[in-house]
Amino acid sequence: IATDGIRFAEMSVLFAGTAIVYGEFIQA
């Protein structure tokens, strides 16, 4: 809510056509 709807589990970055999900790490 404070960050305008950002969900950690869904955070990822595309690198060479592959999604690297770093949001789950932040959640852990």
mmCIF file of all heavy atoms, coordinates in Angstrom:
data_MODEL
# 
_entry.id   MODEL 
# 
loop_
_atom_site.group_PDB 
_atom_site.id 
_atom_site.type_symbol 
_atom_site.label_atom_id 
_atom_site.label_alt_id 
_atom_site.label_comp_id 
_atom_site.label_asym_id 
_atom_site.label_entity_id 
_atom_site.label_seq_id 
_atom_site.pdbx_PDB_ins_code 
_atom_site.Cartn_x 
_atom_site.Cartn_y 
_atom_site.Cartn_z 
_atom_site.occupancy 
_atom_site.B_iso_or_equiv 
_atom_site.pdbx_formal_charge 
_atom_site.auth_seq_id 
_atom_site.auth_comp_id 
_atom_site.auth_asym_id 
_atom_site.auth_atom_id 
_atom_site.pdbx_PDB_model_num 
ATOM 1   N N   . ILE A 1 1  ? 0.842  -1.196  0.000   1.00 0.00 ? 1  ILE A N   1 
ATOM 2   C CA  . ILE A 1 1  ? 0.000  0.000   0.000   1.00 0.00 ? 1  ILE A CA  1 
ATOM 3   C C   . ILE A 1 1  ? 0.884  1.255   0.000   1.00 0.00 ? 1  ILE A C   1 
ATOM 4   O O   . ILE A 1 1  ? 0.624  2.213   -0.731  1.00 0.00 ? 1  ILE A O   1 
ATOM 5   C CB  . ILE A 1 1  ? -0.957 -0.001  1.208   1.00 0.00 ? 1  ILE A CB  1 
ATOM 6   C CG1 . ILE A 1 1  ? -2.007 -1.098  1.044   1.00 0.00 ? 1  ILE A CG1 1 
ATOM 7   C CG2 . ILE A 1 1  ? -1.628 1.352   1.381   1.00 0.00 ? 1  ILE A CG2 1 
ATOM 8   C CD1 . ILE A 1 1  ? -2.820 -1.351  2.298   1.00 0.00 ? 1  ILE A CD1 1 
ATOM 9   N N   . ALA A 1 2  ? 1.940  1.229   0.811   1.00 0.00 ? 2  ALA A N   1 
ATOM 10  C CA  . ALA A 1 2  ? 2.821  2.398   0.921   1.00 0.00 ? 2  ALA A CA  1 
ATOM 11  C C   . ALA A 1 2  ? 3.623  2.635   -0.352  1.00 0.00 ? 2  ALA A C   1 
ATOM 12  O O   . ALA A 1 2  ? 4.009  3.763   -0.639  1.00 0.00 ? 2  ALA A O   1 
ATOM 13  C CB  . ALA A 1 2  ? 3.761  2.223   2.111   1.00 0.00 ? 2  ALA A CB  1 
ATOM 14  N N   . THR A 1 3  ? 3.872  1.577   -1.134  1.00 0.00 ? 3  THR A N   1 
ATOM 15  C CA  . THR A 1 3  ? 4.674  1.722   -2.356  1.00 0.00 ? 3  THR A CA  1 
ATOM 16  C C   . THR A 1 3  ? 3.811  1.679   -3.606  1.00 0.00 ? 3  THR A C   1 
ATOM 17  O O   . THR A 1 3  ? 4.297  1.310   -4.678  1.00 0.00 ? 3  THR A O   1 
ATOM 18  C CB  . THR A 1 3  ? 5.743  0.626   -2.421  1.00 0.00 ? 3  THR A CB  1 
ATOM 19  O OG1 . THR A 1 3  ? 5.105  -0.645  -2.356  1.00 0.00 ? 3  THR A OG1 1 
ATOM 20  C CG2 . THR A 1 3  ? 6.748  0.761   -1.304  1.00 0.00 ? 3  THR A CG2 1 
ATOM 21  N N   . ASP A 1 4  ? 2.545  2.010   -3.468  1.00 0.00 ? 4  ASP A N   1 
ATOM 22  C CA  . ASP A 1 4  ? 1.618  2.116   -4.587  1.00 0.00 ? 4  ASP A CA  1 
ATOM 23  C C   . ASP A 1 4  ? 1.396  0.779   -5.313  1.00 0.00 ? 4  ASP A C   1 
ATOM 24  O O   . ASP A 1 4  ? 1.418  0.705   -6.530  1.00 0.00 ? 4  ASP A O   1 
ATOM 25  C CB  . ASP A 1 4  ? 2.096  3.190   -5.572  1.00 0.00 ? 4  ASP A CB  1 
ATOM 26  C CG  . ASP A 1 4  ? 0.957  3.709   -6.444  1.00 0.00 ? 4  ASP A CG  1 
ATOM 27  O OD1 . ASP A 1 4  ? -0.208 3.629   -6.008  1.00 0.00 ? 4  ASP A OD1 1 
ATOM 28  O OD2 . ASP A 1 4  ? 1.254  4.186   -7.560  1.00 0.00 ? 4  ASP A OD2 1 
ATOM 29  N N   . GLY A 1 5  ? 1.199  -0.288  -4.544  1.00 0.00 ? 5  GLY A N   1 
ATOM 30  C CA  . GLY A 1 5  ? 0.777  -1.568  -5.106  1.00 0.00 ? 5  GLY A CA  1 
ATOM 31  C C   . GLY A 1 5  ? 1.863  -2.511  -5.557  1.00 0.00 ? 5  GLY A C   1 
ATOM 32  O O   . GLY A 1 5  ? 1.578  -3.486  -6.258  1.00 0.00 ? 5  GLY A O   1 
ATOM 33  N N   . ILE A 1 6  ? 3.096  -2.307  -5.162  1.00 0.00 ? 6  ILE A N   1 
ATOM 34  C CA  . ILE A 1 6  ? 4.173  -3.228  -5.553  1.00 0.00 ? 6  ILE A CA  1 
ATOM 35  C C   . ILE A 1 6  ? 4.056  -4.499  -4.716  1.00 0.00 ? 6  ILE A C   1 
ATOM 36  O O   . ILE A 1 6  ? 3.934  -4.453  -3.502  1.00 0.00 ? 6  ILE A O   1 
ATOM 37  C CB  . ILE A 1 6  ? 5.559  -2.578  -5.346  1.00 0.00 ? 6  ILE A CB  1 
ATOM 38  C CG1 . ILE A 1 6  ? 5.734  -1.393  -6.270  1.00 0.00 ? 6  ILE A CG1 1 
ATOM 39  C CG2 . ILE A 1 6  ? 6.663  -3.592  -5.552  1.00 0.00 ? 6  ILE A CG2 1 
ATOM 40  C CD1 . ILE A 1 6  ? 7.014  -0.620  -6.038  1.00 0.00 ? 6  ILE A CD1 1 
ATOM 41  N N   . ARG A 1 7  ? 4.095  -5.651  -5.363  1.00 0.00 ? 7  ARG A N   1 
ATOM 42  C CA  . ARG A 1 7  ? 4.066  -6.945  -4.684  1.00 0.00 ? 7  ARG A CA  1 
ATOM 43  C C   . ARG A 1 7  ? 5.434  -7.592  -4.830  1.00 0.00 ? 7  ARG A C   1 
ATOM 44  O O   . ARG A 1 7  ? 5.948  -7.744  -5.928  1.00 0.00 ? 7  ARG A O   1 
ATOM 45  C CB  . ARG A 1 7  ? 2.991  -7.840  -5.275  1.00 0.00 ? 7  ARG A CB  1 
ATOM 46  C CG  . ARG A 1 7  ? 1.607  -7.272  -5.136  1.00 0.00 ? 7  ARG A CG  1 
ATOM 47  C CD  . ARG A 1 7  ? 0.659  -8.398  -4.768  1.00 0.00 ? 7  ARG A CD  1 
ATOM 48  N NE  . ARG A 1 7  ? -0.655 -7.854  -4.503  1.00 0.00 ? 7  ARG A NE  1 
ATOM 49  C CZ  . ARG A 1 7  ? -1.149 -7.731  -3.280  1.00 0.00 ? 7  ARG A CZ  1 
ATOM 50  N NH1 . ARG A 1 7  ? -0.458 -8.109  -2.257  1.00 0.00 ? 7  ARG A NH1 1 
ATOM 51  N NH2 . ARG A 1 7  ? -2.348 -7.242  -3.096  1.00 0.00 ? 7  ARG A NH2 1 
ATOM 52  N N   . PHE A 1 8  ? 6.005  -7.986  -3.699  1.00 0.00 ? 8  PHE A N   1 
ATOM 53  C CA  . PHE A 1 8  ? 7.353  -8.554  -3.722  1.00 0.00 ? 8  PHE A CA  1 
ATOM 54  C C   . PHE A 1 8  ? 7.426  -9.841  -4.525  1.00 0.00 ? 8  PHE A C   1 
ATOM 55  O O   . PHE A 1 8  ? 8.368  -10.052 -5.287  1.00 0.00 ? 8  PHE A O   1 
ATOM 56  C CB  . PHE A 1 8  ? 7.850  -8.829  -2.296  1.00 0.00 ? 8  PHE A CB  1 
ATOM 57  C CG  . PHE A 1 8  ? 8.177  -7.578  -1.530  1.00 0.00 ? 8  PHE A CG  1 
ATOM 58  C CD1 . PHE A 1 8  ? 7.506  -7.264  -0.372  1.00 0.00 ? 8  PHE A CD1 1 
ATOM 59  C CD2 . PHE A 1 8  ? 9.163  -6.721  -1.976  1.00 0.00 ? 8  PHE A CD2 1 
ATOM 60  C CE1 . PHE A 1 8  ? 7.806  -6.116  0.327   1.00 0.00 ? 8  PHE A CE1 1 
ATOM 61  C CE2 . PHE A 1 8  ? 9.476  -5.568  -1.279  1.00 0.00 ? 8  PHE A CE2 1 
ATOM 62  C CZ  . PHE A 1 8  ? 8.786  -5.268  -0.121  1.00 0.00 ? 8  PHE A CZ  1 
ATOM 63  N N   . ALA A 1 9  ? 6.471  -10.727 -4.330  1.00 0.00 ? 9  ALA A N   1 
ATOM 64  C CA  . ALA A 1 9  ? 6.525  -12.043 -4.976  1.00 0.00 ? 9  ALA A CA  1 
ATOM 65  C C   . ALA A 1 9  ? 6.502  -11.935 -6.499  1.00 0.00 ? 9  ALA A C   1 
ATOM 66  O O   . ALA A 1 9  ? 6.982  -12.825 -7.196  1.00 0.00 ? 9  ALA A O   1 
ATOM 67  C CB  . ALA A 1 9  ? 5.372  -12.909 -4.493  1.00 0.00 ? 9  ALA A CB  1 
ATOM 68  N N   . GLU A 1 10 ? 5.962  -10.856 -7.015  1.00 0.00 ? 10 GLU A N   1 
ATOM 69  C CA  . GLU A 1 10 ? 5.864  -10.694 -8.466  1.00 0.00 ? 10 GLU A CA  1 
ATOM 70  C C   . GLU A 1 10 ? 7.022  -9.897  -9.061  1.00 0.00 ? 10 GLU A C   1 
ATOM 71  O O   . GLU A 1 10 ? 7.079  -9.715  -10.272 1.00 0.00 ? 10 GLU A O   1 
ATOM 72  C CB  . GLU A 1 10 ? 4.539  -10.013 -8.809  1.00 0.00 ? 10 GLU A CB  1 
ATOM 73  C CG  . GLU A 1 10 ? 3.325  -10.820 -8.373  1.00 0.00 ? 10 GLU A CG  1 
ATOM 74  C CD  . GLU A 1 10 ? 2.034  -10.036 -8.478  1.00 0.00 ? 10 GLU A CD  1 
ATOM 75  O OE1 . GLU A 1 10 ? 2.078  -8.847  -8.858  1.00 0.00 ? 10 GLU A OE1 1 
ATOM 76  O OE2 . GLU A 1 10 ? 0.992  -10.610 -8.153  1.00 0.00 ? 10 GLU A OE2 1 
ATOM 77  N N   . MET A 1 11 ? 7.939  -9.445  -8.261  1.00 0.00 ? 11 MET A N   1 
ATOM 78  C CA  . MET A 1 11 ? 9.053  -8.636  -8.758  1.00 0.00 ? 11 MET A CA  1 
ATOM 79  C C   . MET A 1 11 ? 10.045 -9.526  -9.504  1.00 0.00 ? 11 MET A C   1 
ATOM 80  O O   . MET A 1 11 ? 10.467 -10.567 -8.996  1.00 0.00 ? 11 MET A O   1 
ATOM 81  C CB  . MET A 1 11 ? 9.754  -7.917  -7.603  1.00 0.00 ? 11 MET A CB  1 
ATOM 82  C CG  . MET A 1 11 ? 8.886  -6.894  -6.898  1.00 0.00 ? 11 MET A CG  1 
ATOM 83  S SD  . MET A 1 11 ? 9.712  -6.202  -5.477  1.00 0.00 ? 11 MET A SD  1 
ATOM 84  C CE  . MET A 1 11 ? 10.379 -4.730  -6.219  1.00 0.00 ? 11 MET A CE  1 
ATOM 85  N N   . SER A 1 12 ? 10.383 -9.128  -10.709 1.00 0.00 ? 12 SER A N   1 
ATOM 86  C CA  . SER A 1 12 ? 11.341 -9.890  -11.509 1.00 0.00 ? 12 SER A CA  1 
ATOM 87  C C   . SER A 1 12 ? 11.988 -8.965  -12.523 1.00 0.00 ? 12 SER A C   1 
ATOM 88  O O   . SER A 1 12 ? 11.536 -7.851  -12.759 1.00 0.00 ? 12 SER A O   1 
ATOM 89  C CB  . SER A 1 12 ? 10.650 -11.058 -12.205 1.00 0.00 ? 12 SER A CB  1 
ATOM 90  O OG  . SER A 1 12 ? 9.698  -10.568 -13.136 1.00 0.00 ? 12 SER A OG  1 
ATOM 91  N N   . VAL A 1 13 ? 13.036 -9.460  -13.125 1.00 0.00 ? 13 VAL A N   1 
ATOM 92  C CA  . VAL A 1 13 ? 13.723 -8.724  -14.168 1.00 0.00 ? 13 VAL A CA  1 
ATOM 93  C C   . VAL A 1 13 ? 14.000 -9.701  -15.317 1.00 0.00 ? 13 VAL A C   1 
ATOM 94  O O   . VAL A 1 13 ? 14.277 -10.874 -15.084 1.00 0.00 ? 13 VAL A O   1 
ATOM 95  C CB  . VAL A 1 13 ? 15.021 -8.077  -13.621 1.00 0.00 ? 13 VAL A CB  1 
ATOM 96  C CG1 . VAL A 1 13 ? 16.083 -9.105  -13.340 1.00 0.00 ? 13 VAL A CG1 1 
ATOM 97  C CG2 . VAL A 1 13 ? 15.542 -7.021  -14.549 1.00 0.00 ? 13 VAL A CG2 1 
ATOM 98  N N   . LEU A 1 14 ? 13.860 -9.216  -16.531 1.00 0.00 ? 14 LEU A N   1 
ATOM 99  C CA  . LEU A 1 14 ? 14.139 -10.056 -17.693 1.00 0.00 ? 14 LEU A CA  1 
ATOM 100 C C   . LEU A 1 14 ? 15.611 -9.943  -18.050 1.00 0.00 ? 14 LEU A C   1 
ATOM 101 O O   . LEU A 1 14 ? 16.147 -8.839  -18.201 1.00 0.00 ? 14 LEU A O   1 
ATOM 102 C CB  . LEU A 1 14 ? 13.283 -9.637  -18.885 1.00 0.00 ? 14 LEU A CB  1 
ATOM 103 C CG  . LEU A 1 14 ? 11.819 -10.031 -18.824 1.00 0.00 ? 14 LEU A CG  1 
ATOM 104 C CD1 . LEU A 1 14 ? 11.068 -9.423  -20.000 1.00 0.00 ? 14 LEU A CD1 1 
ATOM 105 C CD2 . LEU A 1 14 ? 11.670 -11.535 -18.823 1.00 0.00 ? 14 LEU A CD2 1 
ATOM 106 N N   . PHE A 1 15 ? 16.264 -11.083 -18.168 1.00 0.00 ? 15 PHE A N   1 
ATOM 107 C CA  . PHE A 1 15 ? 17.674 -11.111 -18.523 1.00 0.00 ? 15 PHE A CA  1 
ATOM 108 C C   . PHE A 1 15 ? 17.896 -12.232 -19.537 1.00 0.00 ? 15 PHE A C   1 
ATOM 109 O O   . PHE A 1 15 ? 17.672 -13.399 -19.230 1.00 0.00 ? 15 PHE A O   1 
ATOM 110 C CB  . PHE A 1 15 ? 18.530 -11.341 -17.270 1.00 0.00 ? 15 PHE A CB  1 
ATOM 111 C CG  . PHE A 1 15 ? 19.998 -11.317 -17.540 1.00 0.00 ? 15 PHE A CG  1 
ATOM 112 C CD1 . PHE A 1 15 ? 20.646 -10.114 -17.807 1.00 0.00 ? 15 PHE A CD1 1 
ATOM 113 C CD2 . PHE A 1 15 ? 20.744 -12.480 -17.524 1.00 0.00 ? 15 PHE A CD2 1 
ATOM 114 C CE1 . PHE A 1 15 ? 22.002 -10.087 -18.050 1.00 0.00 ? 15 PHE A CE1 1 
ATOM 115 C CE2 . PHE A 1 15 ? 22.102 -12.450 -17.772 1.00 0.00 ? 15 PHE A CE2 1 
ATOM 116 C CZ  . PHE A 1 15 ? 22.728 -11.248 -18.030 1.00 0.00 ? 15 PHE A CZ  1 
ATOM 117 N N   . ALA A 1 16 ? 18.248 -11.868 -20.724 1.00 0.00 ? 16 ALA A N   1 
ATOM 118 C CA  . ALA A 1 16 ? 18.495 -12.811 -21.824 1.00 0.00 ? 16 ALA A CA  1 
ATOM 119 C C   . ALA A 1 16 ? 17.271 -13.696 -22.065 1.00 0.00 ? 16 ALA A C   1 
ATOM 120 O O   . ALA A 1 16 ? 17.373 -14.902 -22.229 1.00 0.00 ? 16 ALA A O   1 
ATOM 121 C CB  . ALA A 1 16 ? 19.737 -13.655 -21.546 1.00 0.00 ? 16 ALA A CB  1 
ATOM 122 N N   . GLY A 1 17 ? 16.107 -13.097 -22.017 1.00 0.00 ? 17 GLY A N   1 
ATOM 123 C CA  . GLY A 1 17 ? 14.879 -13.828 -22.282 1.00 0.00 ? 17 GLY A CA  1 
ATOM 124 C C   . GLY A 1 17 ? 14.370 -14.669 -21.137 1.00 0.00 ? 17 GLY A C   1 
ATOM 125 O O   . GLY A 1 17 ? 13.399 -15.391 -21.267 1.00 0.00 ? 17 GLY A O   1 
ATOM 126 N N   . THR A 1 18 ? 15.022 -14.581 -19.974 1.00 0.00 ? 18 THR A N   1 
ATOM 127 C CA  . THR A 1 18 ? 14.607 -15.362 -18.803 1.00 0.00 ? 18 THR A CA  1 
ATOM 128 C C   . THR A 1 18 ? 14.238 -14.402 -17.683 1.00 0.00 ? 18 THR A C   1 
ATOM 129 O O   . THR A 1 18 ? 14.949 -13.420 -17.424 1.00 0.00 ? 18 THR A O   1 
ATOM 130 C CB  . THR A 1 18 ? 15.763 -16.268 -18.328 1.00 0.00 ? 18 THR A CB  1 
ATOM 131 O OG1 . THR A 1 18 ? 16.183 -17.092 -19.410 1.00 0.00 ? 18 THR A OG1 1 
ATOM 132 C CG2 . THR A 1 18 ? 15.338 -17.139 -17.172 1.00 0.00 ? 18 THR A CG2 1 
ATOM 133 N N   . ALA A 1 19 ? 13.139 -14.710 -17.021 1.00 0.00 ? 19 ALA A N   1 
ATOM 134 C CA  . ALA A 1 19 ? 12.708 -13.871 -15.896 1.00 0.00 ? 19 ALA A CA  1 
ATOM 135 C C   . ALA A 1 19 ? 13.431 -14.328 -14.634 1.00 0.00 ? 19 ALA A C   1 
ATOM 136 O O   . ALA A 1 19 ? 13.370 -15.494 -14.249 1.00 0.00 ? 19 ALA A O   1 
ATOM 137 C CB  . ALA A 1 19 ? 11.205 -13.987 -15.696 1.00 0.00 ? 19 ALA A CB  1 
ATOM 138 N N   . ILE A 1 20 ? 14.147 -13.399 -14.028 1.00 0.00 ? 20 ILE A N   1 
ATOM 139 C CA  . ILE A 1 20 ? 14.802 -13.668 -12.743 1.00 0.00 ? 20 ILE A CA  1 
ATOM 140 C C   . ILE A 1 20 ? 13.919 -13.063 -11.667 1.00 0.00 ? 20 ILE A C   1 
ATOM 141 O O   . ILE A 1 20 ? 13.766 -11.847 -11.578 1.00 0.00 ? 20 ILE A O   1 
ATOM 142 C CB  . ILE A 1 20 ? 16.216 -13.054 -12.707 1.00 0.00 ? 20 ILE A CB  1 
ATOM 143 C CG1 . ILE A 1 20 ? 17.069 -13.684 -13.804 1.00 0.00 ? 20 ILE A CG1 1 
ATOM 144 C CG2 . ILE A 1 20 ? 16.838 -13.265 -11.330 1.00 0.00 ? 20 ILE A CG2 1 
ATOM 145 C CD1 . ILE A 1 20 ? 18.428 -13.052 -13.941 1.00 0.00 ? 20 ILE A CD1 1 
ATOM 146 N N   . VAL A 1 21 ? 13.321 -13.950 -10.865 1.00 0.00 ? 21 VAL A N   1 
ATOM 147 C CA  . VAL A 1 21 ? 12.371 -13.521 -9.838  1.00 0.00 ? 21 VAL A CA  1 
ATOM 148 C C   . VAL A 1 21 ? 13.152 -13.251 -8.552  1.00 0.00 ? 21 VAL A C   1 
ATOM 149 O O   . VAL A 1 21 ? 13.542 -14.166 -7.849  1.00 0.00 ? 21 VAL A O   1 
ATOM 150 C CB  . VAL A 1 21 ? 11.283 -14.599 -9.614  1.00 0.00 ? 21 VAL A CB  1 
ATOM 151 C CG1 . VAL A 1 21 ? 10.271 -14.124 -8.593  1.00 0.00 ? 21 VAL A CG1 1 
ATOM 152 C CG2 . VAL A 1 21 ? 10.605 -14.949 -10.919 1.00 0.00 ? 21 VAL A CG2 1 
ATOM 153 N N   . TYR A 1 22 ? 13.397 -11.997 -8.275  1.00 0.00 ? 22 TYR A N   1 
ATOM 154 C CA  . TYR A 1 22 ? 14.111 -11.618 -7.058  1.00 0.00 ? 22 TYR A CA  1 
ATOM 155 C C   . TYR A 1 22 ? 13.144 -11.216 -5.946  1.00 0.00 ? 22 TYR A C   1 
ATOM 156 O O   . TYR A 1 22 ? 13.528 -11.090 -4.789  1.00 0.00 ? 22 TYR A O   1 
ATOM 157 C CB  . TYR A 1 22 ? 15.116 -10.503 -7.329  1.00 0.00 ? 22 TYR A CB  1 
ATOM 158 C CG  . TYR A 1 22 ? 14.495 -9.201  -7.782  1.00 0.00 ? 22 TYR A CG  1 
ATOM 159 C CD1 . TYR A 1 22 ? 14.132 -8.233  -6.857  1.00 0.00 ? 22 TYR A CD1 1 
ATOM 160 C CD2 . TYR A 1 22 ? 14.278 -8.942  -9.131  1.00 0.00 ? 22 TYR A CD2 1 
ATOM 161 C CE1 . TYR A 1 22 ? 13.569 -7.043  -7.268  1.00 0.00 ? 22 TYR A CE1 1 
ATOM 162 C CE2 . TYR A 1 22 ? 13.715 -7.757  -9.545  1.00 0.00 ? 22 TYR A CE2 1 
ATOM 163 C CZ  . TYR A 1 22 ? 13.359 -6.811  -8.616  1.00 0.00 ? 22 TYR A CZ  1 
ATOM 164 O OH  . TYR A 1 22 ? 12.793 -5.630  -9.022  1.00 0.00 ? 22 TYR A OH  1 
ATOM 165 N N   . GLY A 1 23 ? 11.888 -11.044 -6.264  1.00 0.00 ? 23 GLY A N   1 
ATOM 166 C CA  . GLY A 1 23 ? 10.894 -10.661 -5.255  1.00 0.00 ? 23 GLY A CA  1 
ATOM 167 C C   . GLY A 1 23 ? 10.674 -11.740 -4.215  1.00 0.00 ? 23 GLY A C   1 
ATOM 168 O O   . GLY A 1 23 ? 10.451 -11.445 -3.047  1.00 0.00 ? 23 GLY A O   1 
ATOM 169 N N   . GLU A 1 24 ? 10.759 -13.000 -4.622  1.00 0.00 ? 24 GLU A N   1 
ATOM 170 C CA  . GLU A 1 24 ? 10.616 -14.089 -3.655  1.00 0.00 ? 24 GLU A CA  1 
ATOM 171 C C   . GLU A 1 24 ? 11.761 -14.083 -2.652  1.00 0.00 ? 24 GLU A C   1 
ATOM 172 O O   . GLU A 1 24 ? 11.586 -14.400 -1.481  1.00 0.00 ? 24 GLU A O   1 
ATOM 173 C CB  . GLU A 1 24 ? 10.543 -15.428 -4.384  1.00 0.00 ? 24 GLU A CB  1 
ATOM 174 C CG  . GLU A 1 24 ? 9.255  -15.595 -5.168  1.00 0.00 ? 24 GLU A CG  1 
ATOM 175 C CD  . GLU A 1 24 ? 9.191  -16.914 -5.909  1.00 0.00 ? 24 GLU A CD  1 
ATOM 176 O OE1 . GLU A 1 24 ? 10.033 -17.805 -5.658  1.00 0.00 ? 24 GLU A OE1 1 
ATOM 177 O OE2 . GLU A 1 24 ? 8.283  -17.063 -6.740  1.00 0.00 ? 24 GLU A OE2 1 
ATOM 178 N N   . PHE A 1 25 ? 12.950 -13.698 -3.124  1.00 0.00 ? 25 PHE A N   1 
ATOM 179 C CA  . PHE A 1 25 ? 14.092 -13.582 -2.211  1.00 0.00 ? 25 PHE A CA  1 
ATOM 180 C C   . PHE A 1 25 ? 13.838 -12.472 -1.187  1.00 0.00 ? 25 PHE A C   1 
ATOM 181 O O   . PHE A 1 25 ? 14.100 -12.650 0.003   1.00 0.00 ? 25 PHE A O   1 
ATOM 182 C CB  . PHE A 1 25 ? 15.373 -13.295 -2.995  1.00 0.00 ? 25 PHE A CB  1 
ATOM 183 C CG  . PHE A 1 25 ? 16.556 -13.047 -2.110  1.00 0.00 ? 25 PHE A CG  1 
ATOM 184 C CD1 . PHE A 1 25 ? 17.169 -14.087 -1.443  1.00 0.00 ? 25 PHE A CD1 1 
ATOM 185 C CD2 . PHE A 1 25 ? 17.059 -11.760 -1.942  1.00 0.00 ? 25 PHE A CD2 1 
ATOM 186 C CE1 . PHE A 1 25 ? 18.263 -13.853 -0.625  1.00 0.00 ? 25 PHE A CE1 1 
ATOM 187 C CE2 . PHE A 1 25 ? 18.141 -11.519 -1.126  1.00 0.00 ? 25 PHE A CE2 1 
ATOM 188 C CZ  . PHE A 1 25 ? 18.752 -12.570 -0.473  1.00 0.00 ? 25 PHE A CZ  1 
ATOM 189 N N   . ILE A 1 26 ? 13.332 -11.348 -1.654  1.00 0.00 ? 26 ILE A N   1 
ATOM 190 C CA  . ILE A 1 26 ? 13.013 -10.246 -0.739  1.00 0.00 ? 26 ILE A CA  1 
ATOM 191 C C   . ILE A 1 26 ? 11.965 -10.697 0.271   1.00 0.00 ? 26 ILE A C   1 
ATOM 192 O O   . ILE A 1 26 ? 12.067 -10.411 1.469   1.00 0.00 ? 26 ILE A O   1 
ATOM 193 C CB  . ILE A 1 26 ? 12.544 -9.000  -1.521  1.00 0.00 ? 26 ILE A CB  1 
ATOM 194 C CG1 . ILE A 1 26 ? 13.691 -8.444  -2.366  1.00 0.00 ? 26 ILE A CG1 1 
ATOM 195 C CG2 . ILE A 1 26 ? 12.015 -7.933  -0.569  1.00 0.00 ? 26 ILE A CG2 1 
ATOM 196 C CD1 . ILE A 1 26 ? 13.279 -7.334  -3.294  1.00 0.00 ? 26 ILE A CD1 1 
ATOM 197 N N   . GLN A 1 27 ? 10.972 -11.445 -0.178  1.00 0.00 ? 27 GLN A N   1 
ATOM 198 C CA  . GLN A 1 27 ? 9.926  -11.980 0.704   1.00 0.00 ? 27 GLN A CA  1 
ATOM 199 C C   . GLN A 1 27 ? 10.538 -12.923 1.741   1.00 0.00 ? 27 GLN A C   1 
ATOM 200 O O   . GLN A 1 27 ? 10.188 -12.868 2.920   1.00 0.00 ? 27 GLN A O   1 
ATOM 201 C CB  . GLN A 1 27 ? 8.874  -12.719 -0.132  1.00 0.00 ? 27 GLN A CB  1 
ATOM 202 C CG  . GLN A 1 27 ? 7.714  -13.250 0.660   1.00 0.00 ? 27 GLN A CG  1 
ATOM 203 C CD  . GLN A 1 27 ? 6.730  -12.175 1.031   1.00 0.00 ? 27 GLN A CD  1 
ATOM 204 O OE1 . GLN A 1 27 ? 6.578  -11.199 0.316   1.00 0.00 ? 27 GLN A OE1 1 
ATOM 205 N NE2 . GLN A 1 27 ? 6.066  -12.357 2.148   1.00 0.00 ? 27 GLN A NE2 1 
ATOM 206 N N   . ALA A 1 28 ? 11.471 -13.784 1.327   1.00 0.00 ? 28 ALA A N   1 
ATOM 207 C CA  . ALA A 1 28 ? 12.113 -14.717 2.248   1.00 0.00 ? 28 ALA A CA  1 
ATOM 208 C C   . ALA A 1 28 ? 12.964 -13.989 3.286   1.00 0.00 ? 28 ALA A C   1 
ATOM 209 O O   . ALA A 1 28 ? 12.977 -14.360 4.465   1.00 0.00 ? 28 ALA A O   1 
ATOM 210 C CB  . ALA A 1 28 ? 12.964 -15.718 1.472   1.00 0.00 ? 28 ALA A CB  1 
# 
